[in-house]
N, C-alpha and C. Protein backbone atom coordinates (compact mmCIF):
# COMPACT_ATOMS: atom_id res chain seq x y z
N MET A 1 4.30 -26.13 4.19
CA MET A 1 3.47 -25.01 3.75
C MET A 1 3.94 -24.52 2.38
N VAL A 2 3.00 -23.99 1.63
CA VAL A 2 3.32 -23.44 0.31
C VAL A 2 4.31 -22.29 0.43
N VAL A 3 4.16 -21.47 1.47
CA VAL A 3 5.06 -20.32 1.60
C VAL A 3 6.50 -20.76 1.82
N ASP A 4 6.72 -21.94 2.38
CA ASP A 4 8.08 -22.46 2.53
C ASP A 4 8.73 -22.67 1.17
N SER A 5 7.95 -23.11 0.21
CA SER A 5 8.48 -23.33 -1.15
C SER A 5 8.97 -22.02 -1.75
N PHE A 6 8.19 -20.95 -1.59
CA PHE A 6 8.63 -19.65 -2.10
C PHE A 6 9.87 -19.17 -1.37
N TRP A 7 9.88 -19.33 -0.06
CA TRP A 7 11.02 -18.90 0.75
C TRP A 7 12.29 -19.62 0.30
N ASN A 8 12.17 -20.91 0.06
CA ASN A 8 13.35 -21.72 -0.29
C ASN A 8 13.91 -21.43 -1.67
N VAL A 9 13.09 -21.01 -2.61
CA VAL A 9 13.60 -20.79 -3.97
C VAL A 9 14.03 -19.35 -4.23
N LEU A 10 13.59 -18.41 -3.41
CA LEU A 10 13.95 -17.02 -3.63
C LEU A 10 15.33 -16.70 -3.05
N LYS A 11 16.09 -15.91 -3.81
CA LYS A 11 17.35 -15.38 -3.29
C LYS A 11 17.04 -14.37 -2.20
N LEU A 12 18.02 -14.08 -1.37
CA LEU A 12 17.81 -13.17 -0.24
C LEU A 12 17.26 -11.82 -0.69
N GLU A 13 17.77 -11.28 -1.81
CA GLU A 13 17.37 -9.94 -2.25
C GLU A 13 16.14 -9.95 -3.17
N SER A 14 15.55 -11.12 -3.38
CA SER A 14 14.38 -11.24 -4.25
C SER A 14 13.10 -10.80 -3.56
N SER A 15 12.06 -10.68 -4.37
CA SER A 15 10.75 -10.28 -3.88
C SER A 15 9.69 -11.25 -4.37
N LEU A 16 8.55 -11.19 -3.70
CA LEU A 16 7.39 -11.97 -4.08
C LEU A 16 6.21 -11.01 -4.01
N VAL A 17 5.46 -10.91 -5.10
CA VAL A 17 4.25 -10.09 -5.10
C VAL A 17 3.08 -11.04 -5.23
N ILE A 18 2.17 -10.96 -4.26
CA ILE A 18 1.00 -11.82 -4.32
C ILE A 18 -0.25 -10.96 -4.46
N ASN A 19 -1.17 -11.47 -5.24
CA ASN A 19 -2.44 -10.81 -5.51
C ASN A 19 -3.54 -11.61 -4.82
N ILE A 20 -4.21 -10.98 -3.86
CA ILE A 20 -5.29 -11.65 -3.15
C ILE A 20 -6.50 -10.71 -3.16
N LYS A 21 -7.62 -11.22 -3.60
CA LYS A 21 -8.85 -10.44 -3.57
C LYS A 21 -9.67 -10.86 -2.36
N ASP A 22 -10.01 -9.90 -1.52
CA ASP A 22 -10.86 -10.25 -0.39
C ASP A 22 -12.30 -10.38 -0.85
N LYS A 23 -13.15 -10.86 0.00
CA LYS A 23 -14.53 -11.09 -0.38
C LYS A 23 -15.46 -10.63 0.73
N VAL A 24 -16.73 -10.60 0.41
CA VAL A 24 -17.75 -10.19 1.36
C VAL A 24 -18.36 -11.44 1.97
N VAL A 25 -18.42 -11.49 3.30
CA VAL A 25 -19.02 -12.59 4.04
C VAL A 25 -20.07 -12.00 4.97
N ASN A 26 -21.31 -12.44 4.82
CA ASN A 26 -22.42 -11.93 5.64
C ASN A 26 -22.51 -10.40 5.58
N SER A 27 -22.40 -9.85 4.38
CA SER A 27 -22.53 -8.41 4.10
C SER A 27 -21.37 -7.55 4.61
N VAL A 28 -20.29 -8.18 5.07
CA VAL A 28 -19.14 -7.45 5.60
C VAL A 28 -17.87 -7.91 4.87
N ARG A 29 -17.01 -6.96 4.57
CA ARG A 29 -15.75 -7.29 3.91
C ARG A 29 -14.89 -8.10 4.87
N HIS A 30 -14.57 -9.32 4.50
CA HIS A 30 -13.79 -10.22 5.35
C HIS A 30 -12.33 -9.78 5.35
N ARG A 31 -11.63 -9.96 6.43
CA ARG A 31 -10.24 -9.51 6.58
C ARG A 31 -9.21 -10.63 6.44
N TYR A 32 -9.57 -11.74 5.78
CA TYR A 32 -8.61 -12.83 5.67
C TYR A 32 -7.35 -12.42 4.91
N VAL A 33 -7.47 -11.45 4.00
CA VAL A 33 -6.28 -10.99 3.28
C VAL A 33 -5.28 -10.40 4.27
N TRP A 34 -5.75 -9.53 5.13
CA TRP A 34 -4.86 -8.90 6.11
C TRP A 34 -4.33 -9.92 7.11
N HIS A 35 -5.16 -10.88 7.50
CA HIS A 35 -4.71 -11.94 8.41
C HIS A 35 -3.62 -12.79 7.75
N THR A 36 -3.76 -13.01 6.45
CA THR A 36 -2.74 -13.78 5.71
C THR A 36 -1.40 -13.05 5.70
N ILE A 37 -1.43 -11.76 5.45
CA ILE A 37 -0.19 -10.97 5.43
C ILE A 37 0.43 -10.92 6.83
N GLU A 38 -0.38 -10.77 7.85
CA GLU A 38 0.14 -10.80 9.22
C GLU A 38 0.78 -12.14 9.54
N MET A 39 0.17 -13.24 9.08
CA MET A 39 0.73 -14.57 9.30
C MET A 39 2.08 -14.72 8.59
N LEU A 40 2.13 -14.23 7.33
CA LEU A 40 3.40 -14.31 6.59
C LEU A 40 4.48 -13.47 7.27
N SER A 41 4.11 -12.32 7.81
CA SER A 41 5.07 -11.48 8.54
C SER A 41 5.58 -12.21 9.77
N SER A 42 4.71 -12.94 10.44
CA SER A 42 5.14 -13.69 11.63
C SER A 42 6.08 -14.84 11.27
N LEU A 43 6.04 -15.27 10.01
CA LEU A 43 6.93 -16.34 9.54
C LEU A 43 8.26 -15.81 9.01
N GLY A 44 8.47 -14.48 9.05
CA GLY A 44 9.74 -13.91 8.64
C GLY A 44 9.71 -13.10 7.36
N TRP A 45 8.58 -13.06 6.66
CA TRP A 45 8.47 -12.24 5.45
C TRP A 45 8.34 -10.77 5.85
N PHE A 46 8.95 -9.90 5.06
CA PHE A 46 8.80 -8.46 5.26
C PHE A 46 7.78 -7.96 4.25
N CYS A 47 6.77 -7.25 4.72
CA CYS A 47 5.78 -6.66 3.82
C CYS A 47 6.33 -5.30 3.40
N ILE A 48 6.93 -5.25 2.24
CA ILE A 48 7.59 -4.05 1.75
C ILE A 48 6.58 -2.96 1.44
N ASP A 49 5.49 -3.36 0.78
CA ASP A 49 4.45 -2.39 0.43
C ASP A 49 3.20 -3.13 0.00
N ASP A 50 2.12 -2.41 -0.08
CA ASP A 50 0.91 -2.98 -0.67
C ASP A 50 0.49 -2.05 -1.79
N TYR A 51 0.05 -2.64 -2.89
CA TYR A 51 -0.34 -1.91 -4.08
C TYR A 51 -1.79 -2.21 -4.40
N ILE A 52 -2.40 -1.32 -5.12
CA ILE A 52 -3.75 -1.54 -5.60
C ILE A 52 -3.70 -1.76 -7.11
N TRP A 53 -4.23 -2.88 -7.54
CA TRP A 53 -4.36 -3.18 -8.96
C TRP A 53 -5.72 -2.65 -9.37
N TYR A 54 -5.72 -1.56 -10.12
CA TYR A 54 -6.95 -0.95 -10.60
C TYR A 54 -7.42 -1.72 -11.83
N LYS A 55 -8.66 -2.18 -11.79
CA LYS A 55 -9.23 -2.95 -12.89
C LYS A 55 -10.29 -2.10 -13.59
N PRO A 56 -10.01 -1.65 -14.81
CA PRO A 56 -10.97 -0.78 -15.50
C PRO A 56 -12.23 -1.52 -15.96
N ASN A 57 -12.24 -2.83 -15.89
CA ASN A 57 -13.41 -3.60 -16.33
C ASN A 57 -13.91 -4.54 -15.24
N PRO A 58 -14.36 -3.98 -14.09
CA PRO A 58 -14.79 -4.84 -12.98
C PRO A 58 -16.07 -5.61 -13.33
N MET A 59 -16.35 -6.61 -12.54
CA MET A 59 -17.55 -7.42 -12.71
C MET A 59 -18.78 -6.51 -12.66
N PRO A 60 -19.63 -6.56 -13.67
CA PRO A 60 -20.84 -5.73 -13.62
C PRO A 60 -21.79 -6.20 -12.53
N GLY A 61 -22.54 -5.29 -12.00
CA GLY A 61 -23.50 -5.65 -10.98
C GLY A 61 -23.81 -4.47 -10.09
N TYR A 62 -24.73 -4.68 -9.18
CA TYR A 62 -25.13 -3.64 -8.24
C TYR A 62 -25.15 -4.24 -6.84
N TRP A 63 -24.51 -3.56 -5.90
CA TRP A 63 -24.51 -3.96 -4.51
C TRP A 63 -24.98 -2.74 -3.73
N PRO A 64 -26.06 -2.86 -2.98
CA PRO A 64 -26.67 -1.67 -2.36
C PRO A 64 -25.80 -0.98 -1.31
N THR A 65 -24.82 -1.67 -0.73
CA THR A 65 -24.03 -1.07 0.36
C THR A 65 -22.57 -0.83 0.00
N ARG A 66 -22.16 -1.12 -1.23
CA ARG A 66 -20.75 -0.94 -1.59
C ARG A 66 -20.60 -0.68 -3.08
N LEU A 67 -19.41 -0.21 -3.44
CA LEU A 67 -19.09 0.02 -4.85
C LEU A 67 -18.67 -1.29 -5.50
N ARG A 68 -18.59 -1.30 -6.81
CA ARG A 68 -18.13 -2.49 -7.52
C ARG A 68 -16.66 -2.74 -7.17
N ASP A 69 -16.26 -3.99 -7.27
CA ASP A 69 -14.88 -4.37 -6.96
C ASP A 69 -13.98 -4.11 -8.16
N GLY A 70 -13.59 -2.88 -8.33
CA GLY A 70 -12.73 -2.51 -9.45
C GLY A 70 -11.27 -2.47 -9.07
N TRP A 71 -10.86 -3.22 -8.04
CA TRP A 71 -9.48 -3.20 -7.57
C TRP A 71 -9.19 -4.52 -6.87
N GLU A 72 -7.91 -4.80 -6.75
CA GLU A 72 -7.45 -5.94 -5.96
C GLU A 72 -6.14 -5.56 -5.30
N TYR A 73 -5.90 -6.15 -4.13
CA TYR A 73 -4.65 -5.92 -3.43
C TYR A 73 -3.52 -6.72 -4.06
N CYS A 74 -2.35 -6.13 -4.08
CA CYS A 74 -1.11 -6.83 -4.40
C CYS A 74 -0.13 -6.50 -3.26
N PHE A 75 0.44 -7.52 -2.68
CA PHE A 75 1.36 -7.32 -1.56
C PHE A 75 2.77 -7.69 -1.98
N HIS A 76 3.68 -6.78 -1.74
CA HIS A 76 5.10 -6.95 -2.07
C HIS A 76 5.79 -7.47 -0.82
N LEU A 77 6.20 -8.73 -0.86
CA LEU A 77 6.86 -9.38 0.27
C LEU A 77 8.31 -9.69 -0.09
N ALA A 78 9.15 -9.76 0.92
CA ALA A 78 10.56 -10.06 0.69
C ALA A 78 11.17 -10.72 1.92
N LYS A 79 12.32 -11.34 1.70
CA LYS A 79 13.05 -11.99 2.79
C LYS A 79 13.93 -11.00 3.56
N THR A 80 14.08 -9.81 3.01
CA THR A 80 14.91 -8.77 3.62
C THR A 80 14.15 -7.45 3.55
N PRO A 81 14.38 -6.53 4.48
CA PRO A 81 13.66 -5.26 4.42
C PRO A 81 14.11 -4.35 3.27
N LYS A 82 15.21 -4.68 2.61
CA LYS A 82 15.70 -3.86 1.48
C LYS A 82 15.96 -4.76 0.27
N PRO A 83 14.90 -5.27 -0.36
CA PRO A 83 15.10 -6.14 -1.52
C PRO A 83 15.48 -5.33 -2.76
N TYR A 84 15.99 -6.03 -3.75
CA TYR A 84 16.28 -5.40 -5.04
C TYR A 84 14.97 -5.04 -5.73
N ILE A 85 14.93 -3.85 -6.32
CA ILE A 85 13.78 -3.45 -7.12
C ILE A 85 14.27 -2.59 -8.28
N ASN A 86 13.81 -2.90 -9.47
CA ASN A 86 14.16 -2.14 -10.66
C ASN A 86 12.99 -1.22 -10.98
N GLN A 87 12.99 -0.04 -10.40
CA GLN A 87 11.88 0.88 -10.58
C GLN A 87 11.77 1.39 -12.01
N LYS A 88 12.90 1.48 -12.71
CA LYS A 88 12.84 1.95 -14.09
C LYS A 88 12.07 1.01 -14.99
N ALA A 89 12.02 -0.27 -14.63
CA ALA A 89 11.30 -1.25 -15.44
C ALA A 89 9.78 -1.05 -15.39
N VAL A 90 9.28 -0.39 -14.37
CA VAL A 90 7.83 -0.20 -14.24
C VAL A 90 7.42 1.28 -14.21
N ARG A 91 8.37 2.15 -14.41
CA ARG A 91 8.10 3.58 -14.33
C ARG A 91 7.23 4.04 -15.49
N LYS A 92 6.32 4.97 -15.18
CA LYS A 92 5.49 5.62 -16.19
C LYS A 92 5.79 7.11 -16.14
N PRO A 93 5.75 7.79 -17.27
CA PRO A 93 5.98 9.23 -17.25
C PRO A 93 4.97 9.92 -16.33
N ILE A 94 5.44 10.92 -15.58
CA ILE A 94 4.55 11.57 -14.63
C ILE A 94 4.06 12.93 -15.10
N GLY A 95 4.57 13.45 -16.18
CA GLY A 95 4.07 14.71 -16.71
C GLY A 95 4.88 15.91 -16.28
N ASN A 96 4.58 17.03 -16.92
CA ASN A 96 5.32 18.27 -16.67
C ASN A 96 4.99 18.90 -15.33
N TRP A 97 3.86 18.53 -14.71
CA TRP A 97 3.47 19.11 -13.43
C TRP A 97 4.48 18.80 -12.34
N ALA A 98 5.28 17.73 -12.52
CA ALA A 98 6.21 17.31 -11.47
C ALA A 98 7.26 18.38 -11.17
N LYS A 99 7.77 19.05 -12.19
CA LYS A 99 8.80 20.07 -11.96
C LYS A 99 8.27 21.21 -11.10
N ALA A 100 7.04 21.63 -11.35
CA ALA A 100 6.44 22.71 -10.55
C ALA A 100 6.26 22.25 -9.10
N ARG A 101 5.81 21.04 -8.92
CA ARG A 101 5.60 20.55 -7.55
C ARG A 101 6.93 20.40 -6.82
N LEU A 102 7.95 19.88 -7.52
CA LEU A 102 9.26 19.71 -6.89
C LEU A 102 9.89 21.06 -6.53
N SER A 103 9.60 22.10 -7.31
CA SER A 103 10.16 23.42 -7.00
C SER A 103 9.60 23.98 -5.71
N ASN A 104 8.46 23.47 -5.26
CA ASN A 104 7.83 23.94 -4.02
C ASN A 104 8.21 23.11 -2.80
N MET A 105 9.05 22.10 -2.99
CA MET A 105 9.45 21.26 -1.86
C MET A 105 10.55 21.94 -1.06
N SER A 106 10.56 21.67 0.22
CA SER A 106 11.60 22.25 1.07
C SER A 106 12.92 21.52 0.84
N GLU A 107 13.99 22.13 1.27
CA GLU A 107 15.31 21.51 1.12
C GLU A 107 15.37 20.17 1.86
N ASN A 108 14.73 20.10 3.00
CA ASN A 108 14.68 18.86 3.78
C ASN A 108 14.01 17.74 2.97
N ASP A 109 12.90 18.07 2.29
CA ASP A 109 12.23 17.07 1.46
C ASP A 109 13.12 16.58 0.33
N LEU A 110 13.84 17.49 -0.29
CA LEU A 110 14.69 17.13 -1.42
C LEU A 110 15.89 16.29 -1.00
N THR A 111 16.48 16.59 0.15
CA THR A 111 17.64 15.81 0.58
C THR A 111 17.25 14.48 1.20
N ARG A 112 16.04 14.40 1.72
CA ARG A 112 15.55 13.18 2.36
C ARG A 112 15.23 12.10 1.33
N GLN A 113 14.91 12.50 0.12
CA GLN A 113 14.50 11.56 -0.90
C GLN A 113 15.37 11.73 -2.14
N LYS A 114 15.52 10.63 -2.85
CA LYS A 114 16.18 10.71 -4.15
C LYS A 114 15.08 10.97 -5.17
N ILE A 115 15.01 12.17 -5.66
CA ILE A 115 13.93 12.58 -6.57
C ILE A 115 14.40 12.42 -8.01
N GLU A 116 13.62 11.68 -8.79
CA GLU A 116 13.88 11.54 -10.23
C GLU A 116 12.62 11.93 -10.96
N THR A 117 12.74 12.88 -11.87
CA THR A 117 11.56 13.35 -12.59
C THR A 117 11.41 12.70 -13.95
N ASN A 118 12.34 11.89 -14.36
CA ASN A 118 12.24 11.25 -15.69
C ASN A 118 11.71 9.85 -15.57
């Protein structure tokens, strides 16, 4: 299987992010994307998170029962439940509103999470 190749070349603490766009079959959104992730999980991959890739320039068109496909799924998979991630490499500034919101958090919320506002 192709997934064996990824498994064999990745270090234990590494990650794999895959981008899969689902499609419409007989007017219904097909769930093969979710079935694929479930299959990978059954093979030992940990699904760390799922992300949405927002596409500001989706395919033009009109579909009477749904919105345009301006997004795609990205699934973060790993060989371990705690893979290495460099969040600073992908961080975007969040704005001045964060300090006001953090000031309203309870002590439990603040101690439960490592909060970084920069």
